[in-house]
């Protein structure tokens, strides 16, 4: 199992803090209304509805081709895609959050976005990780609420998007 360790943080821009807080509020609202035990798809669809109600243009499972040496070798479908200047991707999980981070980094690469969220609906709580893929190839993860810095993932090899 990979562990995230604190190494030099980067400061979260206010714009990202505001977006992160909105995602936290949306996830809490969905959890409060739906409660526990639903399939990922139900949480995913509910998050998309809540995003739209708050002015985002959320799209579900938009297909993106993955290429190898110019040939299509597969297709990936992020759970939720929000396009635009401050666009982001959401991966919904009911279990392994680390797997969600790995998937999210792949989605960030293929969508050419830099910010994504893994939202985990566990039995008694909702966990939200913000993942930032920087232009220099660094991957940062924030496991904490707004106000904390982003922590660089130590084993970047597992999450490399080069």
N, C-alpha and C. Protein backbone atom coordinates (compact mmCIF):
# COMPACT_ATOMS: atom_id res chain seq x y z
N UNK A 1 0.84 -1.18 0.00
CA UNK A 1 0.00 0.00 0.00
C UNK A 1 0.89 1.24 0.00
N UNK A 2 0.53 2.21 -0.83
CA UNK A 2 1.30 3.44 -0.89
C UNK A 2 0.79 4.40 0.18
N UNK A 3 1.70 5.11 0.79
CA UNK A 3 1.33 6.11 1.78
C UNK A 3 1.72 7.48 1.27
N UNK A 4 0.92 8.46 1.60
CA UNK A 4 1.24 9.83 1.25
C UNK A 4 2.00 10.45 2.41
N UNK A 5 3.13 11.05 2.10
CA UNK A 5 3.92 11.70 3.14
C UNK A 5 3.98 13.18 2.85
N UNK A 6 4.10 13.97 3.90
CA UNK A 6 4.26 15.40 3.72
C UNK A 6 5.67 15.69 3.26
N UNK A 7 5.79 16.28 2.11
CA UNK A 7 7.05 16.84 1.64
C UNK A 7 6.68 18.22 1.14
N UNK A 8 7.60 19.00 0.60
CA UNK A 8 7.28 20.41 0.34
C UNK A 8 5.89 20.64 -0.25
N UNK A 9 5.13 21.45 0.45
CA UNK A 9 3.77 21.78 0.03
C UNK A 9 3.80 22.87 -1.02
N UNK A 10 2.72 22.98 -1.77
CA UNK A 10 2.50 24.13 -2.61
C UNK A 10 1.27 24.83 -2.05
N UNK A 11 1.20 26.09 -2.26
CA UNK A 11 0.08 26.87 -1.75
C UNK A 11 -1.12 26.69 -2.68
N UNK A 12 -2.28 26.53 -2.09
CA UNK A 12 -3.49 26.40 -2.88
C UNK A 12 -3.98 27.79 -3.25
N UNK A 13 -4.12 28.09 -4.55
CA UNK A 13 -4.65 29.39 -4.96
C UNK A 13 -6.09 29.55 -4.47
N UNK A 14 -6.50 30.79 -4.21
CA UNK A 14 -7.85 31.06 -3.71
C UNK A 14 -8.92 30.47 -4.62
N UNK A 15 -8.70 30.55 -5.92
CA UNK A 15 -9.66 30.03 -6.89
C UNK A 15 -9.90 28.53 -6.65
N UNK A 16 -8.81 27.80 -6.41
CA UNK A 16 -8.92 26.36 -6.16
C UNK A 16 -9.53 26.09 -4.80
N UNK A 17 -9.20 26.92 -3.80
CA UNK A 17 -9.82 26.76 -2.47
C UNK A 17 -11.33 26.89 -2.58
N UNK A 18 -11.79 27.89 -3.33
CA UNK A 18 -13.23 28.11 -3.48
C UNK A 18 -13.89 26.94 -4.19
N UNK A 19 -13.24 26.44 -5.24
CA UNK A 19 -13.78 25.29 -5.96
C UNK A 19 -13.82 24.06 -5.05
N UNK A 20 -12.73 23.84 -4.30
CA UNK A 20 -12.65 22.70 -3.39
C UNK A 20 -13.75 22.79 -2.34
N UNK A 21 -13.98 23.98 -1.80
CA UNK A 21 -15.03 24.14 -0.80
C UNK A 21 -16.39 23.84 -1.40
N UNK A 22 -16.62 24.24 -2.64
CA UNK A 22 -17.88 23.95 -3.32
C UNK A 22 -18.05 22.44 -3.49
N UNK A 23 -16.99 21.74 -3.87
CA UNK A 23 -17.05 20.29 -4.04
C UNK A 23 -17.34 19.62 -2.70
N UNK A 24 -16.72 20.10 -1.65
CA UNK A 24 -16.98 19.58 -0.30
C UNK A 24 -18.46 19.75 0.05
N UNK A 25 -19.00 20.95 -0.19
CA UNK A 25 -20.40 21.23 0.12
C UNK A 25 -21.34 20.33 -0.69
N UNK A 26 -21.02 20.15 -1.97
CA UNK A 26 -21.85 19.32 -2.84
C UNK A 26 -21.84 17.87 -2.36
N UNK A 27 -20.65 17.35 -2.05
CA UNK A 27 -20.55 15.96 -1.60
C UNK A 27 -21.28 15.75 -0.28
N UNK A 28 -21.17 16.70 0.63
CA UNK A 28 -21.88 16.60 1.91
C UNK A 28 -23.39 16.62 1.70
N UNK A 29 -23.85 17.45 0.79
CA UNK A 29 -25.29 17.54 0.50
C UNK A 29 -25.80 16.22 -0.05
N UNK A 30 -25.06 15.63 -0.99
CA UNK A 30 -25.46 14.34 -1.57
C UNK A 30 -25.49 13.28 -0.48
N UNK A 31 -24.46 13.24 0.35
CA UNK A 31 -24.40 12.24 1.42
C UNK A 31 -25.56 12.42 2.40
N UNK A 32 -25.85 13.68 2.74
CA UNK A 32 -26.93 13.97 3.70
C UNK A 32 -28.28 13.50 3.16
N UNK A 33 -28.53 13.74 1.89
CA UNK A 33 -29.83 13.39 1.32
C UNK A 33 -29.94 11.90 1.01
N UNK A 34 -28.90 11.32 0.42
CA UNK A 34 -28.97 9.90 0.04
C UNK A 34 -28.68 8.94 1.20
N UNK A 35 -27.76 9.35 2.06
CA UNK A 35 -27.36 8.44 3.13
C UNK A 35 -26.35 7.41 2.65
N UNK A 36 -26.36 6.25 3.28
CA UNK A 36 -25.34 5.23 3.05
C UNK A 36 -25.83 4.13 2.12
N UNK A 37 -24.84 3.40 1.55
CA UNK A 37 -25.10 2.12 0.92
C UNK A 37 -25.47 2.09 -0.54
N UNK A 38 -25.45 3.22 -1.24
CA UNK A 38 -25.83 3.22 -2.65
C UNK A 38 -24.65 2.81 -3.52
N UNK A 39 -24.94 2.37 -4.73
CA UNK A 39 -23.91 2.09 -5.72
C UNK A 39 -23.23 3.40 -6.13
N UNK A 40 -22.00 3.28 -6.64
CA UNK A 40 -21.26 4.47 -7.09
C UNK A 40 -22.07 5.28 -8.10
N UNK A 41 -22.77 4.60 -9.00
CA UNK A 41 -23.52 5.27 -10.04
C UNK A 41 -24.58 6.23 -9.47
N UNK A 42 -25.22 5.84 -8.39
CA UNK A 42 -26.24 6.69 -7.78
C UNK A 42 -25.59 7.96 -7.21
N UNK A 43 -24.46 7.79 -6.52
CA UNK A 43 -23.74 8.95 -5.99
C UNK A 43 -23.23 9.83 -7.15
N UNK A 44 -22.71 9.20 -8.18
CA UNK A 44 -22.18 9.91 -9.34
C UNK A 44 -23.27 10.77 -9.99
N UNK A 45 -24.42 10.17 -10.25
CA UNK A 45 -25.52 10.91 -10.88
C UNK A 45 -26.02 12.03 -9.98
N UNK A 46 -26.06 11.78 -8.69
CA UNK A 46 -26.52 12.81 -7.74
C UNK A 46 -25.53 13.97 -7.67
N UNK A 47 -24.24 13.66 -7.69
CA UNK A 47 -23.23 14.73 -7.72
C UNK A 47 -23.39 15.58 -8.98
N UNK A 48 -23.63 14.94 -10.12
CA UNK A 48 -23.82 15.67 -11.37
C UNK A 48 -25.03 16.59 -11.30
N UNK A 49 -26.12 16.11 -10.73
CA UNK A 49 -27.32 16.94 -10.57
C UNK A 49 -26.99 18.15 -9.69
N UNK A 50 -26.33 17.90 -8.57
CA UNK A 50 -26.00 18.99 -7.64
C UNK A 50 -25.04 19.99 -8.28
N UNK A 51 -24.07 19.50 -9.06
CA UNK A 51 -23.16 20.41 -9.77
C UNK A 51 -23.93 21.31 -10.73
N UNK A 52 -24.87 20.71 -11.48
CA UNK A 52 -25.67 21.50 -12.42
C UNK A 52 -26.52 22.53 -11.70
N UNK A 53 -27.08 22.15 -10.56
CA UNK A 53 -27.89 23.10 -9.78
C UNK A 53 -27.07 24.28 -9.30
N UNK A 54 -25.76 24.09 -9.20
CA UNK A 54 -24.87 25.16 -8.74
C UNK A 54 -24.13 25.85 -9.89
N UNK A 55 -24.60 25.60 -11.12
CA UNK A 55 -24.09 26.35 -12.26
C UNK A 55 -22.97 25.70 -13.06
N UNK A 56 -22.56 24.49 -12.71
CA UNK A 56 -21.53 23.80 -13.48
C UNK A 56 -22.18 23.00 -14.61
N UNK A 57 -21.44 22.79 -15.68
CA UNK A 57 -21.91 21.95 -16.78
C UNK A 57 -21.26 20.58 -16.64
N UNK A 58 -21.86 19.74 -15.84
CA UNK A 58 -21.31 18.42 -15.54
C UNK A 58 -21.76 17.41 -16.58
N UNK A 59 -20.79 16.67 -17.13
CA UNK A 59 -21.07 15.61 -18.09
C UNK A 59 -20.66 14.28 -17.47
N UNK A 60 -21.43 13.25 -17.73
CA UNK A 60 -21.17 11.93 -17.17
C UNK A 60 -20.49 11.01 -18.17
N UNK A 61 -19.43 10.35 -17.72
CA UNK A 61 -18.74 9.30 -18.46
C UNK A 61 -18.49 9.64 -19.93
N UNK A 62 -17.89 10.80 -20.16
CA UNK A 62 -17.52 11.21 -21.52
C UNK A 62 -16.33 10.36 -21.96
N UNK A 63 -16.43 9.70 -23.13
CA UNK A 63 -15.32 8.83 -23.56
C UNK A 63 -14.14 9.63 -24.13
N UNK A 64 -12.93 9.22 -23.73
CA UNK A 64 -11.69 9.79 -24.24
C UNK A 64 -10.81 8.64 -24.72
N UNK A 65 -10.29 8.77 -25.93
CA UNK A 65 -9.41 7.73 -26.47
C UNK A 65 -8.03 7.82 -25.85
N UNK A 66 -7.45 6.66 -25.60
CA UNK A 66 -6.07 6.57 -25.14
C UNK A 66 -5.25 6.07 -26.32
N UNK A 67 -4.15 6.75 -26.61
CA UNK A 67 -3.34 6.39 -27.77
C UNK A 67 -1.95 5.91 -27.36
N UNK A 68 -1.45 5.01 -28.17
CA UNK A 68 -0.08 4.53 -28.03
C UNK A 68 0.55 4.59 -29.41
N UNK A 69 1.60 5.40 -29.55
CA UNK A 69 2.29 5.59 -30.84
C UNK A 69 1.30 5.89 -31.95
N UNK A 70 0.35 6.74 -31.63
CA UNK A 70 -0.62 7.21 -32.63
C UNK A 70 -1.83 6.33 -32.84
N UNK A 71 -1.85 5.16 -32.24
CA UNK A 71 -2.99 4.26 -32.42
C UNK A 71 -3.85 4.22 -31.16
N UNK A 72 -5.16 4.15 -31.37
CA UNK A 72 -6.08 4.05 -30.25
C UNK A 72 -5.94 2.66 -29.63
N UNK A 73 -5.68 2.63 -28.32
CA UNK A 73 -5.51 1.36 -27.61
C UNK A 73 -6.54 1.17 -26.51
N UNK A 74 -7.38 2.15 -26.33
CA UNK A 74 -8.41 2.03 -25.30
C UNK A 74 -9.19 3.31 -25.15
N UNK A 75 -10.20 3.23 -24.33
CA UNK A 75 -11.04 4.39 -24.04
C UNK A 75 -11.24 4.46 -22.54
N UNK A 76 -11.13 5.67 -22.00
CA UNK A 76 -11.42 5.88 -20.59
C UNK A 76 -12.60 6.82 -20.47
N UNK A 77 -13.34 6.69 -19.36
CA UNK A 77 -14.54 7.49 -19.15
C UNK A 77 -14.54 8.03 -17.72
N UNK A 78 -14.09 9.27 -17.54
CA UNK A 78 -14.16 9.85 -16.20
C UNK A 78 -15.61 9.87 -15.71
N UNK A 79 -15.81 9.65 -14.43
CA UNK A 79 -17.17 9.64 -13.88
C UNK A 79 -17.89 10.95 -14.20
N UNK A 80 -17.25 12.07 -13.86
CA UNK A 80 -17.85 13.38 -14.10
C UNK A 80 -16.79 14.31 -14.68
N UNK A 81 -17.14 15.02 -15.72
CA UNK A 81 -16.25 15.98 -16.36
C UNK A 81 -16.91 17.35 -16.36
N UNK A 82 -16.18 18.35 -15.91
CA UNK A 82 -16.61 19.74 -15.99
C UNK A 82 -15.56 20.45 -16.82
N UNK A 83 -15.95 20.91 -18.01
CA UNK A 83 -15.01 21.56 -18.93
C UNK A 83 -14.91 23.04 -18.63
N UNK A 84 -13.94 23.68 -19.26
CA UNK A 84 -13.79 25.13 -19.13
C UNK A 84 -12.46 25.50 -18.53
N UNK A 85 -12.29 26.81 -18.39
CA UNK A 85 -11.02 27.35 -17.87
C UNK A 85 -10.65 26.75 -16.52
N UNK A 86 -11.62 26.59 -15.66
CA UNK A 86 -11.39 25.99 -14.34
C UNK A 86 -12.02 24.60 -14.27
N UNK A 87 -11.93 23.87 -15.36
CA UNK A 87 -12.53 22.55 -15.44
C UNK A 87 -11.87 21.56 -14.50
N UNK A 88 -12.58 20.48 -14.25
CA UNK A 88 -12.06 19.45 -13.36
C UNK A 88 -12.76 18.13 -13.65
N UNK A 89 -12.20 17.08 -13.07
CA UNK A 89 -12.73 15.73 -13.21
C UNK A 89 -13.05 15.21 -11.81
N UNK A 90 -14.12 14.42 -11.70
CA UNK A 90 -14.46 13.78 -10.43
C UNK A 90 -14.49 12.28 -10.63
N UNK A 91 -13.83 11.55 -9.74
CA UNK A 91 -13.90 10.09 -9.68
C UNK A 91 -14.61 9.73 -8.38
N UNK A 92 -15.68 8.95 -8.49
CA UNK A 92 -16.48 8.56 -7.33
C UNK A 92 -16.07 7.15 -6.90
N UNK A 93 -15.86 6.99 -5.60
CA UNK A 93 -15.46 5.68 -5.06
C UNK A 93 -16.30 5.33 -3.84
N UNK A 94 -16.50 4.03 -3.66
CA UNK A 94 -17.09 3.53 -2.43
C UNK A 94 -16.06 2.76 -1.63
N UNK A 95 -14.88 2.59 -2.20
CA UNK A 95 -13.85 1.80 -1.53
C UNK A 95 -12.49 2.46 -1.60
N UNK A 96 -11.58 1.83 -2.32
CA UNK A 96 -10.17 2.18 -2.37
C UNK A 96 -9.91 3.58 -2.96
N UNK A 97 -9.60 4.53 -2.09
CA UNK A 97 -9.34 5.89 -2.53
C UNK A 97 -8.03 5.99 -3.33
N UNK A 98 -7.02 5.17 -2.99
CA UNK A 98 -5.76 5.21 -3.72
C UNK A 98 -5.98 4.82 -5.18
N UNK A 99 -6.80 3.82 -5.40
CA UNK A 99 -7.13 3.42 -6.77
C UNK A 99 -7.81 4.58 -7.51
N UNK A 100 -8.64 5.31 -6.79
CA UNK A 100 -9.29 6.48 -7.37
C UNK A 100 -8.30 7.55 -7.78
N UNK A 101 -7.26 7.75 -6.96
CA UNK A 101 -6.22 8.73 -7.30
C UNK A 101 -5.52 8.30 -8.58
N UNK A 102 -5.17 7.03 -8.67
CA UNK A 102 -4.49 6.52 -9.86
C UNK A 102 -5.34 6.73 -11.11
N UNK A 103 -6.61 6.38 -11.02
CA UNK A 103 -7.52 6.58 -12.15
C UNK A 103 -7.63 8.06 -12.50
N UNK A 104 -7.74 8.89 -11.48
CA UNK A 104 -7.92 10.31 -11.71
C UNK A 104 -6.73 10.91 -12.44
N UNK A 105 -5.52 10.51 -12.09
CA UNK A 105 -4.33 11.03 -12.77
C UNK A 105 -4.37 10.64 -14.25
N UNK A 106 -4.81 9.43 -14.54
CA UNK A 106 -4.96 9.04 -15.95
C UNK A 106 -5.98 9.94 -16.65
N UNK A 107 -7.09 10.22 -15.98
CA UNK A 107 -8.12 11.07 -16.57
C UNK A 107 -7.61 12.50 -16.78
N UNK A 108 -6.83 13.00 -15.85
CA UNK A 108 -6.28 14.35 -16.01
C UNK A 108 -5.38 14.42 -17.23
N UNK A 109 -4.61 13.37 -17.45
CA UNK A 109 -3.73 13.34 -18.62
C UNK A 109 -4.54 13.37 -19.91
N UNK A 110 -5.52 12.50 -20.01
CA UNK A 110 -6.26 12.36 -21.26
C UNK A 110 -7.18 13.56 -21.52
N UNK A 111 -7.70 14.19 -20.46
CA UNK A 111 -8.58 15.36 -20.64
C UNK A 111 -7.80 16.67 -20.74
N UNK A 112 -6.50 16.60 -20.42
CA UNK A 112 -5.62 17.77 -20.39
C UNK A 112 -6.07 18.80 -19.35
N UNK A 113 -6.71 18.33 -18.30
CA UNK A 113 -7.07 19.18 -17.17
C UNK A 113 -6.02 19.00 -16.08
N UNK A 114 -6.00 19.90 -15.12
CA UNK A 114 -4.98 19.85 -14.08
C UNK A 114 -5.53 19.57 -12.68
N UNK A 115 -6.86 19.61 -12.53
CA UNK A 115 -7.44 19.44 -11.20
C UNK A 115 -8.52 18.37 -11.25
N UNK A 116 -8.53 17.54 -10.22
CA UNK A 116 -9.56 16.52 -10.12
C UNK A 116 -9.85 16.23 -8.65
N UNK A 117 -10.95 15.56 -8.42
CA UNK A 117 -11.37 15.21 -7.07
C UNK A 117 -11.76 13.74 -7.02
N UNK A 118 -11.27 13.06 -6.00
CA UNK A 118 -11.73 11.71 -5.70
C UNK A 118 -12.69 11.87 -4.53
N UNK A 119 -13.92 11.45 -4.72
CA UNK A 119 -14.92 11.56 -3.66
C UNK A 119 -15.31 10.16 -3.25
N UNK A 120 -15.01 9.84 -1.99
CA UNK A 120 -15.29 8.51 -1.48
C UNK A 120 -16.47 8.53 -0.53
N UNK A 121 -17.48 7.75 -0.87
CA UNK A 121 -18.67 7.63 -0.02
C UNK A 121 -18.53 6.36 0.81
N UNK A 122 -17.99 6.52 2.01
CA UNK A 122 -17.89 5.40 2.93
C UNK A 122 -19.16 5.34 3.75
N UNK A 123 -19.30 4.30 4.54
CA UNK A 123 -20.53 4.09 5.29
C UNK A 123 -20.94 5.29 6.14
N UNK A 124 -20.01 5.83 6.90
CA UNK A 124 -20.41 6.89 7.84
C UNK A 124 -19.89 8.27 7.48
N UNK A 125 -19.12 8.38 6.39
CA UNK A 125 -18.55 9.69 6.06
C UNK A 125 -18.31 9.79 4.56
N UNK A 126 -18.01 10.99 4.15
CA UNK A 126 -17.58 11.23 2.78
C UNK A 126 -16.17 11.80 2.86
N UNK A 127 -15.27 11.26 2.04
CA UNK A 127 -13.88 11.71 2.01
C UNK A 127 -13.61 12.32 0.64
N UNK A 128 -12.93 13.45 0.64
CA UNK A 128 -12.65 14.14 -0.62
C UNK A 128 -11.16 14.44 -0.70
N UNK A 129 -10.54 13.99 -1.77
CA UNK A 129 -9.14 14.31 -2.05
C UNK A 129 -9.10 15.15 -3.31
N UNK A 130 -8.39 16.26 -3.24
CA UNK A 130 -8.14 17.09 -4.41
C UNK A 130 -6.80 16.67 -4.98
N UNK A 131 -6.75 16.42 -6.28
CA UNK A 131 -5.52 16.00 -6.96
C UNK A 131 -5.18 17.07 -7.99
N UNK A 132 -3.94 17.55 -7.94
CA UNK A 132 -3.48 18.57 -8.88
C UNK A 132 -2.28 18.02 -9.63
N UNK A 133 -2.37 18.02 -10.94
CA UNK A 133 -1.28 17.61 -11.81
C UNK A 133 -0.65 18.89 -12.35
N UNK A 134 0.56 19.21 -11.88
CA UNK A 134 1.20 20.47 -12.28
C UNK A 134 1.84 20.34 -13.65
N UNK A 135 2.13 21.49 -14.25
CA UNK A 135 2.70 21.49 -15.60
C UNK A 135 4.07 20.84 -15.65
N UNK A 136 4.77 20.74 -14.52
CA UNK A 136 6.09 20.09 -14.51
C UNK A 136 5.98 18.59 -14.25
N UNK A 137 4.76 18.05 -14.25
CA UNK A 137 4.57 16.61 -14.07
C UNK A 137 4.40 16.19 -12.63
N UNK A 138 4.44 17.13 -11.69
CA UNK A 138 4.23 16.81 -10.29
C UNK A 138 2.78 16.50 -10.01
N UNK A 139 2.56 15.58 -9.10
CA UNK A 139 1.20 15.24 -8.69
C UNK A 139 1.07 15.55 -7.21
N UNK A 140 0.12 16.40 -6.86
CA UNK A 140 -0.11 16.81 -5.49
C UNK A 140 -1.49 16.34 -5.06
N UNK A 141 -1.59 15.95 -3.80
CA UNK A 141 -2.86 15.48 -3.27
C UNK A 141 -3.15 16.22 -1.97
N UNK A 142 -4.36 16.71 -1.84
CA UNK A 142 -4.79 17.31 -0.58
C UNK A 142 -5.87 16.42 0.00
N UNK A 143 -5.57 15.84 1.17
CA UNK A 143 -6.54 14.97 1.83
C UNK A 143 -7.35 15.75 2.87
N UNK A 144 -6.99 16.98 3.07
CA UNK A 144 -7.54 17.76 4.18
C UNK A 144 -8.52 18.82 3.66
N UNK A 145 -9.34 19.34 4.54
CA UNK A 145 -10.25 20.40 4.14
C UNK A 145 -9.51 21.64 3.66
N UNK A 146 -10.26 22.52 3.06
CA UNK A 146 -9.72 23.77 2.55
C UNK A 146 -8.91 24.48 3.63
N UNK A 147 -7.81 25.07 3.21
CA UNK A 147 -6.98 25.81 4.16
C UNK A 147 -5.64 25.14 4.36
N UNK A 148 -5.53 23.88 3.98
CA UNK A 148 -4.26 23.16 4.10
C UNK A 148 -3.58 23.16 2.75
N UNK A 149 -2.25 23.00 2.77
CA UNK A 149 -1.49 22.94 1.53
C UNK A 149 -1.67 21.60 0.85
N UNK A 150 -1.28 21.55 -0.41
CA UNK A 150 -1.29 20.30 -1.15
C UNK A 150 0.01 19.57 -0.88
N UNK A 151 -0.05 18.26 -0.73
CA UNK A 151 1.13 17.46 -0.47
C UNK A 151 1.52 16.71 -1.72
N UNK A 152 2.81 16.75 -2.05
CA UNK A 152 3.27 16.03 -3.24
C UNK A 152 3.28 14.54 -2.95
N UNK A 153 2.80 13.76 -3.90
CA UNK A 153 2.81 12.31 -3.75
C UNK A 153 4.26 11.85 -3.85
N UNK A 154 4.69 11.06 -2.86
CA UNK A 154 6.09 10.63 -2.80
C UNK A 154 6.44 9.73 -3.96
N UNK A 155 5.68 8.68 -4.18
CA UNK A 155 5.97 7.73 -5.24
C UNK A 155 5.28 8.19 -6.52
N UNK A 156 5.88 9.21 -7.16
CA UNK A 156 5.25 9.80 -8.33
C UNK A 156 5.23 8.81 -9.49
N UNK A 157 6.12 7.83 -9.48
CA UNK A 157 6.17 6.86 -10.56
C UNK A 157 4.84 6.17 -10.78
N UNK A 158 4.13 5.85 -9.71
CA UNK A 158 2.83 5.19 -9.84
C UNK A 158 1.78 6.11 -10.46
N UNK A 159 2.01 7.41 -10.34
CA UNK A 159 1.01 8.36 -10.81
C UNK A 159 1.51 9.23 -11.94
N UNK A 160 2.63 8.86 -12.55
CA UNK A 160 3.24 9.67 -13.58
C UNK A 160 2.31 9.82 -14.79
N UNK A 161 2.28 11.02 -15.32
CA UNK A 161 1.46 11.27 -16.51
C UNK A 161 2.33 11.79 -17.66
N UNK A 162 3.58 11.41 -17.67
CA UNK A 162 4.50 11.87 -18.71
C UNK A 162 4.18 11.24 -20.05
